[in-house]
């Protein structure tokens, strides 16, 4: 029934996998959990232990492919009809997280987004910028998301039919960091894919330091301009591009 797919890079995902594994076994769903490491520079021994859990696999790319291409490979490796894509640094907020998704599968929505939350406890000063951005831009309640269904959606904590994904894969030519999500979601919208919003969030446990966040943001903006110049995205696709095209 359910393939849980987790791309990772330089991150220990063992705790996330064990929680998902526990919930899947508890609710009796037919499942698999596949983690694909995008040729990390840091290797975690704990990640190798994922292979010791039933219905779980930890695999490693021979070379760094980028997030979109890594997710495409995960889908190729998957065996079931429904896909649940997660970030390595996410964690379910609810103990019935998996069962909430398996229950809604029976209602045959095309795609389902559960939402994102950030811890209310402020991190140390070095990580405060990323936390502030996450609270302001990414963490929206269900009422807001239902009213603006295409405004706050990410390609993680996202449940969708495998066939739908195969018809709308990530653009594997996007190797640099930034906005591959936007290209993917634009394709879904163009093909009239309906995304159902539900209250089943994951905590985003991103604790990257402010200097790292700033550098990654710069890289993402450069990538955004490249996507615009290639006509993959246009001035209507993001607020940054709207500003860019007005200048």
C-alpha atoms as a PDB file:
ATOM      1  CA  UNK A   1       0.000   0.000   0.000  1.00  0.00           C
ATOM      2  CA  UNK A   2       2.501   2.666   1.179  1.00  0.00           C
ATOM      3  CA  UNK A   3       6.089   3.476   0.207  1.00  0.00           C
ATOM      4  CA  UNK A   4       7.718   6.018   2.523  1.00  0.00           C
ATOM      5  CA  UNK A   5      10.560   7.756   0.691  1.00  0.00           C
ATOM      6  CA  UNK A   6      13.254   9.832   2.381  1.00  0.00           C
ATOM      7  CA  UNK A   7      16.085  11.561   0.500  1.00  0.00           C
ATOM      8  CA  UNK A   8      18.956  12.490   2.792  1.00  0.00           C
ATOM      9  CA  UNK A   9      22.303  14.253   2.723  1.00  0.00           C
ATOM     10  CA  UNK A  10      24.703  14.550   5.668  1.00  0.00           C
ATOM     11  CA  UNK A  11      21.953  13.675   8.148  1.00  0.00           C
ATOM     12  CA  UNK A  12      21.171  10.934  10.671  1.00  0.00           C
ATOM     13  CA  UNK A  13      17.661   9.716   9.811  1.00  0.00           C
ATOM     14  CA  UNK A  14      17.580   6.668  12.090  1.00  0.00           C
ATOM     15  CA  UNK A  15      15.251   8.154  14.735  1.00  0.00           C
ATOM     16  CA  UNK A  16      12.791   9.280  12.060  1.00  0.00           C
ATOM     17  CA  UNK A  17      12.792   5.856  10.408  1.00  0.00           C
ATOM     18  CA  UNK A  18      12.299   3.965  13.674  1.00  0.00           C
ATOM     19  CA  UNK A  19       9.285   6.131  14.574  1.00  0.00           C
ATOM     20  CA  UNK A  20       7.714   5.638  11.137  1.00  0.00           C
ATOM     21  CA  UNK A  21       8.510   1.923  11.327  1.00  0.00           C
ATOM     22  CA  UNK A  22       6.837   1.669  14.749  1.00  0.00           C
ATOM     23  CA  UNK A  23       3.702   3.452  13.557  1.00  0.00           C
ATOM     24  CA  UNK A  24       3.418   1.373  10.384  1.00  0.00           C
ATOM     25  CA  UNK A  25       3.688  -1.874  12.323  1.00  0.00           C
ATOM     26  CA  UNK A  26       1.217  -0.618  14.916  1.00  0.00           C
ATOM     27  CA  UNK A  27      -1.507   0.198  12.401  1.00  0.00           C
ATOM     28  CA  UNK A  28      -0.890  -2.958  10.351  1.00  0.00           C
ATOM     29  CA  UNK A  29      -0.386  -1.257   7.013  1.00  0.00           C
ATOM     30  CA  UNK A  30       1.584  -2.921   4.200  1.00  0.00           C
ATOM     31  CA  UNK A  31       4.618  -0.681   3.890  1.00  0.00           C
ATOM     32  CA  UNK A  32       8.232  -0.088   2.999  1.00  0.00           C
ATOM     33  CA  UNK A  33      10.609   2.679   4.040  1.00  0.00           C
ATOM     34  CA  UNK A  34      13.400   3.583   1.629  1.00  0.00           C
ATOM     35  CA  UNK A  35      16.125   6.088   2.481  1.00  0.00           C
ATOM     36  CA  UNK A  36      18.462   7.237  -0.288  1.00  0.00           C
ATOM     37  CA  UNK A  37      21.618   9.098   0.668  1.00  0.00           C
ATOM     38  CA  UNK A  38      22.764  11.538  -2.011  1.00  0.00           C
ATOM     39  CA  UNK A  39      26.474  10.709  -1.683  1.00  0.00           C
ATOM     40  CA  UNK A  40      26.974  12.443   1.670  1.00  0.00           C
ATOM     41  CA  UNK A  41      30.309  13.789   2.845  1.00  0.00           C
ATOM     42  CA  UNK A  42      29.427  12.672   6.374  1.00  0.00           C
ATOM     43  CA  UNK A  43      28.520   9.042   7.013  1.00  0.00           C
ATOM     44  CA  UNK A  44      26.398   8.075  10.004  1.00  0.00           C
ATOM     45  CA  UNK A  45      26.728   4.523  11.342  1.00  0.00           C
ATOM     46  CA  UNK A  46      23.132   4.723  12.565  1.00  0.00           C
ATOM     47  CA  UNK A  47      21.832   5.060   9.005  1.00  0.00           C
ATOM     48  CA  UNK A  48      23.293   1.667   8.101  1.00  0.00           C
ATOM     49  CA  UNK A  49      21.235   0.153  10.930  1.00  0.00           C
ATOM     50  CA  UNK A  50      18.081   1.011   8.978  1.00  0.00           C
ATOM     51  CA  UNK A  51      18.752  -2.108   6.893  1.00  0.00           C
ATOM     52  CA  UNK A  52      18.228  -4.224  10.012  1.00  0.00           C
ATOM     53  CA  UNK A  53      14.567  -3.135  10.284  1.00  0.00           C
ATOM     54  CA  UNK A  54      11.986  -5.191   8.415  1.00  0.00           C
ATOM     55  CA  UNK A  55      10.672  -3.572   5.210  1.00  0.00           C
ATOM     56  CA  UNK A  56      13.359  -0.869   5.390  1.00  0.00           C
ATOM     57  CA  UNK A  57      16.267  -0.068   3.086  1.00  0.00           C
ATOM     58  CA  UNK A  58      19.125   2.415   3.283  1.00  0.00           C
ATOM     59  CA  UNK A  59      20.800   3.065  -0.076  1.00  0.00           C
ATOM     60  CA  UNK A  60      23.515   5.442  -1.262  1.00  0.00           C
ATOM     61  CA  UNK A  61      23.928   7.248  -4.585  1.00  0.00           C
ATOM     62  CA  UNK A  62      27.335   6.727  -6.200  1.00  0.00           C
ATOM     63  CA  UNK A  63      27.469  10.436  -7.043  1.00  0.00           C
ATOM     64  CA  UNK A  64      25.595  13.500  -5.853  1.00  0.00           C
ATOM     65  CA  UNK A  65      22.497  13.880  -8.049  1.00  0.00           C
ATOM     66  CA  UNK A  66      20.565  16.625  -6.300  1.00  0.00           C
ATOM     67  CA  UNK A  67      17.335  16.333  -4.364  1.00  0.00           C
ATOM     68  CA  UNK A  68      14.896  16.075  -7.271  1.00  0.00           C
ATOM     69  CA  UNK A  69      16.776  13.313  -9.075  1.00  0.00           C
ATOM     70  CA  UNK A  70      17.220  11.469  -5.777  1.00  0.00           C
ATOM     71  CA  UNK A  71      13.471  11.504  -5.168  1.00  0.00           C
ATOM     72  CA  UNK A  72      12.927  10.247  -8.721  1.00  0.00           C
ATOM     73  CA  UNK A  73      15.236   7.311  -7.963  1.00  0.00           C
ATOM     74  CA  UNK A  74      13.398   6.597  -4.727  1.00  0.00           C
ATOM     75  CA  UNK A  75      10.146   6.370  -6.667  1.00  0.00           C
ATOM     76  CA  UNK A  76      11.790   3.966  -9.137  1.00  0.00           C
ATOM     77  CA  UNK A  77      12.836   1.757  -6.212  1.00  0.00           C
ATOM     78  CA  UNK A  78       9.372   1.828  -4.614  1.00  0.00           C
ATOM     79  CA  UNK A  79       6.893  -1.047  -4.836  1.00  0.00           C
ATOM     80  CA  UNK A  80       3.562   0.320  -3.684  1.00  0.00           C
ATOM     81  CA  UNK A  81       0.701   2.365  -5.093  1.00  0.00           C
ATOM     82  CA  UNK A  82       1.010   5.321  -2.721  1.00  0.00           C
ATOM     83  CA  UNK A  83       4.080   7.396  -1.898  1.00  0.00           C
ATOM     84  CA  UNK A  84       4.792   9.444   1.208  1.00  0.00           C
ATOM     85  CA  UNK A  85       7.747  11.771   0.670  1.00  0.00           C
ATOM     86  CA  UNK A  86       9.513  13.154   3.737  1.00  0.00           C
ATOM     87  CA  UNK A  87      12.516  15.305   4.560  1.00  0.00           C
ATOM     88  CA  UNK A  88      15.385  13.776   6.502  1.00  0.00           C
ATOM     89  CA  UNK A  89      15.105  16.474   9.183  1.00  0.00           C
ATOM     90  CA  UNK A  90      11.360  16.105   9.688  1.00  0.00           C
ATOM     91  CA  UNK A  91       9.515  14.219  12.432  1.00  0.00           C
ATOM     92  CA  UNK A  92       5.818  13.351  12.837  1.00  0.00           C
ATOM     93  CA  UNK A  93       3.931  15.507  15.327  1.00  0.00           C
ATOM     94  CA  UNK A  94       1.317  12.835  16.040  1.00  0.00           C
ATOM     95  CA  UNK A  95       1.512   9.254  17.241  1.00  0.00           C
ATOM     96  CA  UNK A  96      -1.187   8.325  14.688  1.00  0.00           C
ATOM     97  CA  UNK A  97       0.575  10.141  11.845  1.00  0.00           C
ATOM     98  CA  UNK A  98       0.687   7.113   9.532  1.00  0.00           C
ATOM     99  CA  UNK A  99      -2.869   5.975  10.238  1.00  0.00           C
ATOM    100  CA  UNK A 100      -4.206   9.455   9.426  1.00  0.00           C
ATOM    101  CA  UNK A 101      -2.670   9.116   5.974  1.00  0.00           C
ATOM    102  CA  UNK A 102      -3.746   5.514   5.408  1.00  0.00           C
ATOM    103  CA  UNK A 103      -7.309   6.421   6.410  1.00  0.00           C
ATOM    104  CA  UNK A 104      -7.500   9.188   3.823  1.00  0.00           C
ATOM    105  CA  UNK A 105      -6.041   6.946   1.101  1.00  0.00           C
ATOM    106  CA  UNK A 106      -9.390   5.124   1.015  1.00  0.00           C
ATOM    107  CA  UNK A 107     -11.039   8.385  -0.054  1.00  0.00           C
ATOM    108  CA  UNK A 108      -8.804   8.348  -3.169  1.00  0.00           C
ATOM    109  CA  UNK A 109      -7.456  11.908  -3.211  1.00  0.00           C
ATOM    110  CA  UNK A 110      -4.768  12.564  -5.807  1.00  0.00           C
ATOM    111  CA  UNK A 111      -2.353  14.164  -3.359  1.00  0.00           C
ATOM    112  CA  UNK A 112      -2.421  15.120   0.317  1.00  0.00           C
ATOM    113  CA  UNK A 113      -0.301  17.654   2.216  1.00  0.00           C
ATOM    114  CA  UNK A 114      -0.153  17.425   6.004  1.00  0.00           C
ATOM    115  CA  UNK A 115       1.533  20.714   6.888  1.00  0.00           C
ATOM    116  CA  UNK A 116       4.702  21.836   8.650  1.00  0.00           C
ATOM    117  CA  UNK A 117       5.366  22.991  12.210  1.00  0.00           C
ATOM    118  CA  UNK A 118       8.396  24.426  13.979  1.00  0.00           C
ATOM    119  CA  UNK A 119       9.179  24.059  17.654  1.00  0.00           C
ATOM    120  CA  UNK A 120       7.936  27.085  19.621  1.00  0.00           C
ATOM    121  CA  UNK A 121      11.102  27.059  21.697  1.00  0.00           C
ATOM    122  CA  UNK A 122      13.573  29.553  20.298  1.00  0.00           C
ATOM    123  CA  UNK A 123      16.911  28.034  19.266  1.00  0.00           C
ATOM    124  CA  UNK A 124      20.258  29.588  20.052  1.00  0.00           C
ATOM    125  CA  UNK A 125      21.257  32.772  18.265  1.00  0.00           C
ATOM    126  CA  UNK A 126      23.256  30.922  15.604  1.00  0.00           C
ATOM    127  CA  UNK A 127      20.118  29.117  14.343  1.00  0.00           C
ATOM    128  CA  UNK A 128      17.556  31.840  15.017  1.00  0.00           C
ATOM    129  CA  UNK A 129      17.289  33.140  11.440  1.00  0.00           C
ATOM    130  CA  UNK A 130      16.229  29.812   9.888  1.00  0.00           C
ATOM    131  CA  UNK A 131      13.762  29.196  12.723  1.00  0.00           C
ATOM    132  CA  UNK A 132      12.226  32.657  12.276  1.00  0.00           C
ATOM    133  CA  UNK A 133      11.865  32.166   8.524  1.00  0.00           C
ATOM    134  CA  UNK A 134      10.266  28.766   9.029  1.00  0.00           C
ATOM    135  CA  UNK A 135       7.703  30.115  11.472  1.00  0.00           C
ATOM    136  CA  UNK A 136       6.839  33.067   9.244  1.00  0.00           C
ATOM    137  CA  UNK A 137       6.782  31.440   5.806  1.00  0.00           C
ATOM    138  CA  UNK A 138       6.352  27.681   6.142  1.00  0.00           C
ATOM    139  CA  UNK A 139       4.255  26.987   9.236  1.00  0.00           C
ATOM    140  CA  UNK A 140       0.593  27.735   8.398  1.00  0.00           C
ATOM    141  CA  UNK A 141      -2.483  26.324  10.103  1.00  0.00           C
ATOM    142  CA  UNK A 142      -5.048  24.163   8.319  1.00  0.00           C
ATOM    143  CA  UNK A 143      -7.582  26.980   7.964  1.00  0.00           C
ATOM    144  CA  UNK A 144      -5.064  29.089   6.035  1.00  0.00           C
ATOM    145  CA  UNK A 145      -3.932  26.153   3.895  1.00  0.00           C
ATOM    146  CA  UNK A 146      -7.494  25.203   2.935  1.00  0.00           C
ATOM    147  CA  UNK A 147      -8.166  28.804   1.934  1.00  0.00           C
ATOM    148  CA  UNK A 148      -4.891  28.957  -0.029  1.00  0.00           C
ATOM    149  CA  UNK A 149      -4.390  25.321  -1.153  1.00  0.00           C
ATOM    150  CA  UNK A 150      -1.585  26.023  -3.624  1.00  0.00           C
ATOM    151  CA  UNK A 151       0.186  28.662  -1.560  1.00  0.00           C
ATOM    152  CA  UNK A 152       1.715  26.527   1.184  1.00  0.00           C
ATOM    153  CA  UNK A 153       2.622  23.108  -0.192  1.00  0.00           C
ATOM    154  CA  UNK A 154       5.995  21.399  -0.167  1.00  0.00           C
ATOM    155  CA  UNK A 155       7.220  18.229  -1.816  1.00  0.00           C
ATOM    156  CA  UNK A 156       7.628  16.622   1.596  1.00  0.00           C
ATOM    157  CA  UNK A 157       5.031  15.494   4.094  1.00  0.00           C
ATOM    158  CA  UNK A 158       3.281  14.901   0.798  1.00  0.00           C
ATOM    159  CA  UNK A 159       1.262  11.774   0.040  1.00  0.00           C
ATOM    160  CA  UNK A 160       0.439  11.017  -3.578  1.00  0.00           C
ATOM    161  CA  UNK A 161      -0.326   8.231  -5.989  1.00  0.00           C
ATOM    162  CA  UNK A 162       2.750   6.655  -7.560  1.00  0.00           C
ATOM    163  CA  UNK A 163       1.205   6.816 -11.034  1.00  0.00           C
ATOM    164  CA  UNK A 164       0.626  10.525 -10.583  1.00  0.00           C
ATOM    165  CA  UNK A 165       4.278  11.043  -9.641  1.00  0.00           C
ATOM    166  CA  UNK A 166       5.535   8.986 -12.584  1.00  0.00           C
ATOM    167  CA  UNK A 167       3.483  11.228 -14.863  1.00  0.00           C
ATOM    168  CA  UNK A 168       4.952  14.322 -13.161  1.00  0.00           C
ATOM    169  CA  UNK A 169       8.499  13.552 -11.971  1.00  0.00           C
ATOM    170  CA  UNK A 170      11.018  16.063 -10.701  1.00  0.00           C
ATOM    171  CA  UNK A 171      13.105  17.786 -13.358  1.00  0.00           C
ATOM    172  CA  UNK A 172      16.312  15.780 -12.914  1.00  0.00           C
ATOM    173  CA  UNK A 173      18.319  18.430 -14.780  1.00  0.00           C
ATOM    174  CA  UNK A 174      18.038  20.675 -11.702  1.00  0.00           C
ATOM    175  CA  UNK A 175      21.185  19.735  -9.805  1.00  0.00           C
ATOM    176  CA  UNK A 176      21.764  22.924  -7.807  1.00  0.00           C
ATOM    177  CA  UNK A 177      19.965  23.702  -4.569  1.00  0.00           C
ATOM    178  CA  UNK A 178      16.738  25.679  -4.651  1.00  0.00           C
ATOM    179  CA  UNK A 179      13.236  25.808  -6.116  1.00  0.00           C
ATOM    180  CA  UNK A 180      13.052  22.274  -7.517  1.00  0.00           C
ATOM    181  CA  UNK A 181       9.949  22.026  -5.303  1.00  0.00           C
ATOM    182  CA  UNK A 182       8.373  24.967  -7.086  1.00  0.00           C
ATOM    183  CA  UNK A 183       8.975  23.450 -10.522  1.00  0.00           C
ATOM    184  CA  UNK A 184       7.487  20.130  -9.394  1.00  0.00           C
ATOM    185  CA  UNK A 185       4.409  21.724  -7.825  1.00  0.00           C
ATOM    186  CA  UNK A 186       3.899  23.974 -10.847  1.00  0.00           C
ATOM    187  CA  UNK A 187       3.766  20.852 -13.015  1.00  0.00           C
ATOM    188  CA  UNK A 188       1.136  19.299 -10.728  1.00  0.00           C
ATOM    189  CA  UNK A 189      -0.958  22.461 -10.859  1.00  0.00           C
ATOM    190  CA  UNK A 190      -0.647  22.692 -14.653  1.00  0.00           C
ATOM    191  CA  UNK A 191      -1.940  19.125 -14.923  1.00  0.00           C
ATOM    192  CA  UNK A 192      -4.897  19.912 -12.640  1.00  0.00           C
ATOM    193  CA  UNK A 193      -3.712  17.743  -9.776  1.00  0.00           C
ATOM    194  CA  UNK A 194      -5.798  18.460  -6.695  1.00  0.00           C
ATOM    195  CA  UNK A 195      -3.888  18.664  -3.394  1.00  0.00           C
ATOM    196  CA  UNK A 196      -5.991  17.967  -0.304  1.00  0.00           C
ATOM    197  CA  UNK A 197      -4.925  19.816   2.850  1.00  0.00           C
ATOM    198  CA  UNK A 198      -5.198  17.971   6.187  1.00  0.00           C
ATOM    199  CA  UNK A 199      -4.021  18.498   9.757  1.00  0.00           C
ATOM    200  CA  UNK A 200      -1.176  15.971   9.960  1.00  0.00           C
ATOM    201  CA  UNK A 201       1.981  18.045  10.306  1.00  0.00           C
ATOM    202  CA  UNK A 202       5.616  17.170  10.679  1.00  0.00           C
ATOM    203  CA  UNK A 203       8.041  19.149  12.771  1.00  0.00           C
ATOM    204  CA  UNK A 204      10.797  20.599  10.624  1.00  0.00           C
ATOM    205  CA  UNK A 205      13.840  20.086  12.826  1.00  0.00           C
ATOM    206  CA  UNK A 206      16.090  22.234  10.674  1.00  0.00           C
ATOM    207  CA  UNK A 207      18.770  23.704  12.929  1.00  0.00           C
ATOM    208  CA  UNK A 208      21.178  25.014  10.329  1.00  0.00           C
ATOM    209  CA  UNK A 209      23.199  28.013  11.388  1.00  0.00           C
ATOM    210  CA  UNK A 210      22.294  31.445  10.063  1.00  0.00           C
ATOM    211  CA  UNK A 211      25.430  31.761   7.947  1.00  0.00           C
ATOM    212  CA  UNK A 212      24.648  28.422   6.270  1.00  0.00           C
ATOM    213  CA  UNK A 213      21.040  29.468   5.707  1.00  0.00           C
ATOM    214  CA  UNK A 214      22.161  32.734   4.092  1.00  0.00           C
ATOM    215  CA  UNK A 215      24.608  30.957   1.785  1.00  0.00           C
ATOM    216  CA  UNK A 216      21.993  28.368   0.786  1.00  0.00           C
ATOM    217  CA  UNK A 217      19.497  31.175   0.157  1.00  0.00           C
ATOM    218  CA  UNK A 218      21.993  32.865  -2.164  1.00  0.00           C
ATOM    219  CA  UNK A 219      22.474  29.594  -4.045  1.00  0.00           C
ATOM    220  CA  UNK A 220      18.709  29.142  -4.288  1.00  0.00           C
ATOM    221  CA  UNK A 221      18.204  32.635  -5.725  1.00  0.00           C
ATOM    222  CA  UNK A 222      20.919  32.025  -8.337  1.00  0.00           C
ATOM    223  CA  UNK A 223      19.173  28.777  -9.254  1.00  0.00           C
ATOM    224  CA  UNK A 224      15.841  30.591  -9.446  1.00  0.00           C
ATOM    225  CA  UNK A 225      17.251  33.051 -11.981  1.00  0.00           C
ATOM    226  CA  UNK A 226      18.649  30.143 -14.032  1.00  0.00           C
ATOM    227  CA  UNK A 227      15.218  28.489 -14.063  1.00  0.00           C
ATOM    228  CA  UNK A 228      13.684  31.782 -15.151  1.00  0.00           C
ATOM    229  CA  UNK A 229      16.237  32.253 -17.945  1.00  0.00           C
ATOM    230  CA  UNK A 230      15.542  28.706 -19.150  1.00  0.00           C
ATOM    231  CA  UNK A 231      11.808  29.573 -19.151  1.00  0.00           C
ATOM    232  CA  UNK A 232      11.106  26.743 -16.720  1.00  0.00           C
ATOM    233  CA  UNK A 233       9.633  29.333 -14.350  1.00  0.00           C
ATOM    234  CA  UNK A 234       8.096  32.712 -15.101  1.00  0.00           C
ATOM    235  CA  UNK A 235       7.428  35.966 -13.295  1.00  0.00           C
ATOM    236  CA  UNK A 236       4.128  34.708 -11.894  1.00  0.00           C
ATOM    237  CA  UNK A 237       5.586  31.660 -10.187  1.00  0.00           C
ATOM    238  CA  UNK A 238       7.159  33.276  -7.124  1.00  0.00           C
ATOM    239  CA  UNK A 239       7.216  36.584  -5.280  1.00  0.00           C
ATOM    240  CA  UNK A 240      10.970  36.844  -5.869  1.00  0.00           C
ATOM    241  CA  UNK A 241      10.515  36.463  -9.617  1.00  0.00           C
ATOM    242  CA  UNK A 242       7.734  39.030  -9.602  1.00  0.00           C
ATOM    243  CA  UNK A 243      10.138  41.504  -8.007  1.00  0.00           C
ATOM    244  CA  UNK A 244      12.918  40.450 -10.384  1.00  0.00           C
ATOM    245  CA  UNK A 245      10.793  41.062 -13.474  1.00  0.00           C
ATOM    246  CA  UNK A 246       9.654  44.457 -12.177  1.00  0.00           C
ATOM    247  CA  UNK A 247      13.192  45.784 -11.872  1.00  0.00           C
END
